[in-house]
Amino acid sequence: MAIGRIAGICYFMIDGRQYSTTGDIKVTLNGIQREPIVDNSGKYVGDKETAHVGQFDFELLVIPDISPQAFQKMKNVTITAEMPSGTVYVGRNANSSGKVELSSEGGKFSGSFFCNDIQEMRK
């Protein structure tokens, strides 16, 4: 039995405006990251826990009405990423990381936004 589309086209919006992606949108959910602690003999002895915020990493097309520089300054915005499976991730009060990288090959730029909480919404 087929389960439907799980990969492919993704939709990315900032404050309700949809942007043209070039492919991959990555969503890192906020929470606790655990790293193993190993002793000198190679035996696992416990965990180190580190809290981290949610993050959206994107790659967009550079088209005439988009200024990559404007993305560096964005604060307190709502990010919506609809994945190919139909699951939607929403981050409110998100801020740009401030780092935007431009690529002449393919006419695209990449950046990221972070926020305290990313909510998952299933259709």
C-alpha atoms as a PDB file:
ATOM      1  CA  MET A   1       0.000   0.000   0.000  1.00  0.00           C
ATOM      2  CA  ALA A   2       1.363   3.429  -0.996  1.00  0.00           C
ATOM      3  CA  ILE A   3       1.536   6.033   1.747  1.00  0.00           C
ATOM      4  CA  GLY A   4       1.507   9.103  -0.503  1.00  0.00           C
ATOM      5  CA  ARG A   5       4.012  11.851  -1.096  1.00  0.00           C
ATOM      6  CA  ILE A   6       6.699  12.156   1.573  1.00  0.00           C
ATOM      7  CA  ALA A   7       9.391  14.093  -0.329  1.00  0.00           C
ATOM      8  CA  GLY A   8       9.495  16.806  -2.967  1.00  0.00           C
ATOM      9  CA  ILE A   9       8.032  20.285  -3.173  1.00  0.00           C
ATOM     10  CA  CYS A  10       7.930  22.338   0.033  1.00  0.00           C
ATOM     11  CA  TYR A  11       6.300  25.709   0.724  1.00  0.00           C
ATOM     12  CA  PHE A  12       7.978  28.441   2.805  1.00  0.00           C
ATOM     13  CA  MET A  13       6.250  31.577   4.102  1.00  0.00           C
ATOM     14  CA  ILE A  14       7.258  34.531   6.245  1.00  0.00           C
ATOM     15  CA  ASP A  15       4.395  36.531   7.774  1.00  0.00           C
ATOM     16  CA  GLY A  16       2.002  34.991   5.245  1.00  0.00           C
ATOM     17  CA  ARG A  17       4.061  35.786   2.131  1.00  0.00           C
ATOM     18  CA  GLN A  18       5.141  32.718   0.180  1.00  0.00           C
ATOM     19  CA  TYR A  19       8.691  32.581  -1.184  1.00  0.00           C
ATOM     20  CA  SER A  20      10.133  30.466  -4.000  1.00  0.00           C
ATOM     21  CA  THR A  21      12.370  27.770  -2.593  1.00  0.00           C
ATOM     22  CA  THR A  22      15.075  25.989  -4.554  1.00  0.00           C
ATOM     23  CA  GLY A  23      14.636  22.729  -2.732  1.00  0.00           C
ATOM     24  CA  ASP A  24      15.501  21.808   0.794  1.00  0.00           C
ATOM     25  CA  ILE A  25      13.914  23.455   3.819  1.00  0.00           C
ATOM     26  CA  LYS A  26      15.218  22.126   7.129  1.00  0.00           C
ATOM     27  CA  VAL A  27      13.326  22.397  10.392  1.00  0.00           C
ATOM     28  CA  THR A  28      15.112  21.720  13.676  1.00  0.00           C
ATOM     29  CA  LEU A  29      12.595  21.272  16.465  1.00  0.00           C
ATOM     30  CA  ASN A  30      13.318  22.924  19.799  1.00  0.00           C
ATOM     31  CA  GLY A  31      14.029  20.689  22.752  1.00  0.00           C
ATOM     32  CA  ILE A  32      16.805  18.802  24.467  1.00  0.00           C
ATOM     33  CA  GLN A  33      19.819  17.393  22.631  1.00  0.00           C
ATOM     34  CA  ARG A  34      21.494  14.450  24.317  1.00  0.00           C
ATOM     35  CA  GLU A  35      25.120  13.472  23.827  1.00  0.00           C
ATOM     36  CA  PRO A  36      26.581  10.260  25.214  1.00  0.00           C
ATOM     37  CA  ILE A  37      29.317  10.431  27.812  1.00  0.00           C
ATOM     38  CA  VAL A  38      31.855   7.644  27.393  1.00  0.00           C
ATOM     39  CA  ASP A  39      34.653   6.667  29.779  1.00  0.00           C
ATOM     40  CA  ASN A  40      38.227   5.793  28.754  1.00  0.00           C
ATOM     41  CA  SER A  41      37.312   2.139  28.186  1.00  0.00           C
ATOM     42  CA  GLY A  42      34.631   3.120  25.663  1.00  0.00           C
ATOM     43  CA  LYS A  43      31.751   2.337  28.021  1.00  0.00           C
ATOM     44  CA  TYR A  44      28.648   4.521  27.911  1.00  0.00           C
ATOM     45  CA  VAL A  45      28.196   6.051  31.377  1.00  0.00           C
ATOM     46  CA  GLY A  46      25.527   8.722  30.920  1.00  0.00           C
ATOM     47  CA  ASP A  47      24.254  11.688  28.966  1.00  0.00           C
ATOM     48  CA  LYS A  48      24.986  15.360  28.615  1.00  0.00           C
ATOM     49  CA  GLU A  49      21.807  17.344  27.925  1.00  0.00           C
ATOM     50  CA  THR A  50      21.804  20.717  26.179  1.00  0.00           C
ATOM     51  CA  ALA A  51      18.717  22.818  25.448  1.00  0.00           C
ATOM     52  CA  HIS A  52      18.377  24.336  21.980  1.00  0.00           C
ATOM     53  CA  VAL A  53      15.911  26.589  20.190  1.00  0.00           C
ATOM     54  CA  GLY A  54      13.972  25.734  17.049  1.00  0.00           C
ATOM     55  CA  GLN A  55      15.460  26.664  13.697  1.00  0.00           C
ATOM     56  CA  PHE A  56      14.376  26.963  10.058  1.00  0.00           C
ATOM     57  CA  ASP A  57      17.109  26.734   7.396  1.00  0.00           C
ATOM     58  CA  PHE A  58      16.090  27.784   3.896  1.00  0.00           C
ATOM     59  CA  GLU A  59      17.347  28.272   0.366  1.00  0.00           C
ATOM     60  CA  LEU A  60      15.425  30.776  -1.774  1.00  0.00           C
ATOM     61  CA  LEU A  61      15.666  32.149  -5.301  1.00  0.00           C
ATOM     62  CA  VAL A  62      17.034  35.663  -5.741  1.00  0.00           C
ATOM     63  CA  ILE A  63      14.307  37.328  -7.784  1.00  0.00           C
ATOM     64  CA  PRO A  64      13.882  41.076  -8.467  1.00  0.00           C
ATOM     65  CA  ASP A  65      11.402  41.817  -5.663  1.00  0.00           C
ATOM     66  CA  ILE A  66      13.406  40.035  -2.925  1.00  0.00           C
ATOM     67  CA  SER A  67      16.324  41.607  -1.089  1.00  0.00           C
ATOM     68  CA  PRO A  68      18.518  39.006   0.644  1.00  0.00           C
ATOM     69  CA  GLN A  69      19.802  41.853   2.824  1.00  0.00           C
ATOM     70  CA  ALA A  70      16.263  42.453   4.129  1.00  0.00           C
ATOM     71  CA  PHE A  71      16.223  38.865   5.442  1.00  0.00           C
ATOM     72  CA  GLN A  72      19.203  39.680   7.682  1.00  0.00           C
ATOM     73  CA  LYS A  73      17.161  42.289   9.523  1.00  0.00           C
ATOM     74  CA  MET A  74      13.916  40.339  10.013  1.00  0.00           C
ATOM     75  CA  LYS A  75      12.772  40.002  13.622  1.00  0.00           C
ATOM     76  CA  ASN A  76       9.604  38.850  15.341  1.00  0.00           C
ATOM     77  CA  VAL A  77       8.186  37.177  12.221  1.00  0.00           C
ATOM     78  CA  THR A  78       6.064  34.058  11.773  1.00  0.00           C
ATOM     79  CA  ILE A  79       7.672  31.286   9.717  1.00  0.00           C
ATOM     80  CA  THR A  80       5.552  28.586   8.102  1.00  0.00           C
ATOM     81  CA  ALA A  81       7.064  25.570   6.371  1.00  0.00           C
ATOM     82  CA  GLU A  82       4.746  23.077   4.688  1.00  0.00           C
ATOM     83  CA  MET A  83       6.564  19.843   4.055  1.00  0.00           C
ATOM     84  CA  PRO A  84       5.840  17.522   1.112  1.00  0.00           C
ATOM     85  CA  SER A  85       3.902  15.152   3.408  1.00  0.00           C
ATOM     86  CA  GLY A  86       1.464  17.981   4.209  1.00  0.00           C
ATOM     87  CA  THR A  87       2.755  18.484   7.755  1.00  0.00           C
ATOM     88  CA  VAL A  88       3.099  22.178   8.576  1.00  0.00           C
ATOM     89  CA  TYR A  89       5.645  23.630  11.017  1.00  0.00           C
ATOM     90  CA  VAL A  90       5.048  27.111  12.441  1.00  0.00           C
ATOM     91  CA  GLY A  91       7.519  29.242  14.392  1.00  0.00           C
ATOM     92  CA  ARG A  92       6.290  32.503  15.895  1.00  0.00           C
ATOM     93  CA  ASN A  93       8.379  35.456  17.060  1.00  0.00           C
ATOM     94  CA  ALA A  94      11.259  34.172  14.943  1.00  0.00           C
ATOM     95  CA  ASN A  95      14.430  36.147  14.298  1.00  0.00           C
ATOM     96  CA  SER A  96      16.884  35.918  11.436  1.00  0.00           C
ATOM     97  CA  SER A  97      20.274  34.530  12.386  1.00  0.00           C
ATOM     98  CA  GLY A  98      21.698  37.510  10.489  1.00  0.00           C
ATOM     99  CA  LYS A  99      23.851  35.335   8.236  1.00  0.00           C
ATOM    100  CA  VAL A 100      22.732  35.190   4.605  1.00  0.00           C
ATOM    101  CA  GLU A 101      24.853  33.458   1.976  1.00  0.00           C
ATOM    102  CA  LEU A 102      24.460  34.243  -1.725  1.00  0.00           C
ATOM    103  CA  SER A 103      25.323  31.843  -4.530  1.00  0.00           C
ATOM    104  CA  SER A 104      25.821  32.983  -8.109  1.00  0.00           C
ATOM    105  CA  GLU A 105      25.309  29.427  -9.309  1.00  0.00           C
ATOM    106  CA  GLY A 106      21.574  28.912  -9.463  1.00  0.00           C
ATOM    107  CA  GLY A 107      20.725  32.475  -8.370  1.00  0.00           C
ATOM    108  CA  LYS A 108      19.896  31.594  -4.795  1.00  0.00           C
ATOM    109  CA  PHE A 109      20.587  32.561  -1.205  1.00  0.00           C
ATOM    110  CA  SER A 110      20.372  30.735   2.084  1.00  0.00           C
ATOM    111  CA  GLY A 111      19.782  31.730   5.670  1.00  0.00           C
ATOM    112  CA  SER A 112      18.096  30.700   8.882  1.00  0.00           C
ATOM    113  CA  PHE A 113      15.593  31.823  11.497  1.00  0.00           C
ATOM    114  CA  PHE A 114      15.389  30.747  15.120  1.00  0.00           C
ATOM    115  CA  CYS A 115      12.563  30.825  17.657  1.00  0.00           C
ATOM    116  CA  ASN A 116      11.648  29.407  21.056  1.00  0.00           C
ATOM    117  CA  ASP A 117       8.906  27.066  19.917  1.00  0.00           C
ATOM    118  CA  ILE A 118       8.032  25.342  16.656  1.00  0.00           C
ATOM    119  CA  GLN A 119       4.561  23.825  16.486  1.00  0.00           C
ATOM    120  CA  GLU A 120       3.721  20.838  14.294  1.00  0.00           C
ATOM    121  CA  MET A 121       0.327  20.804  12.595  1.00  0.00           C
ATOM    122  CA  ARG A 122      -0.894  17.796  10.661  1.00  0.00           C
ATOM    123  CA  LYS A 123      -3.513  18.014   7.954  1.00  0.00           C
END
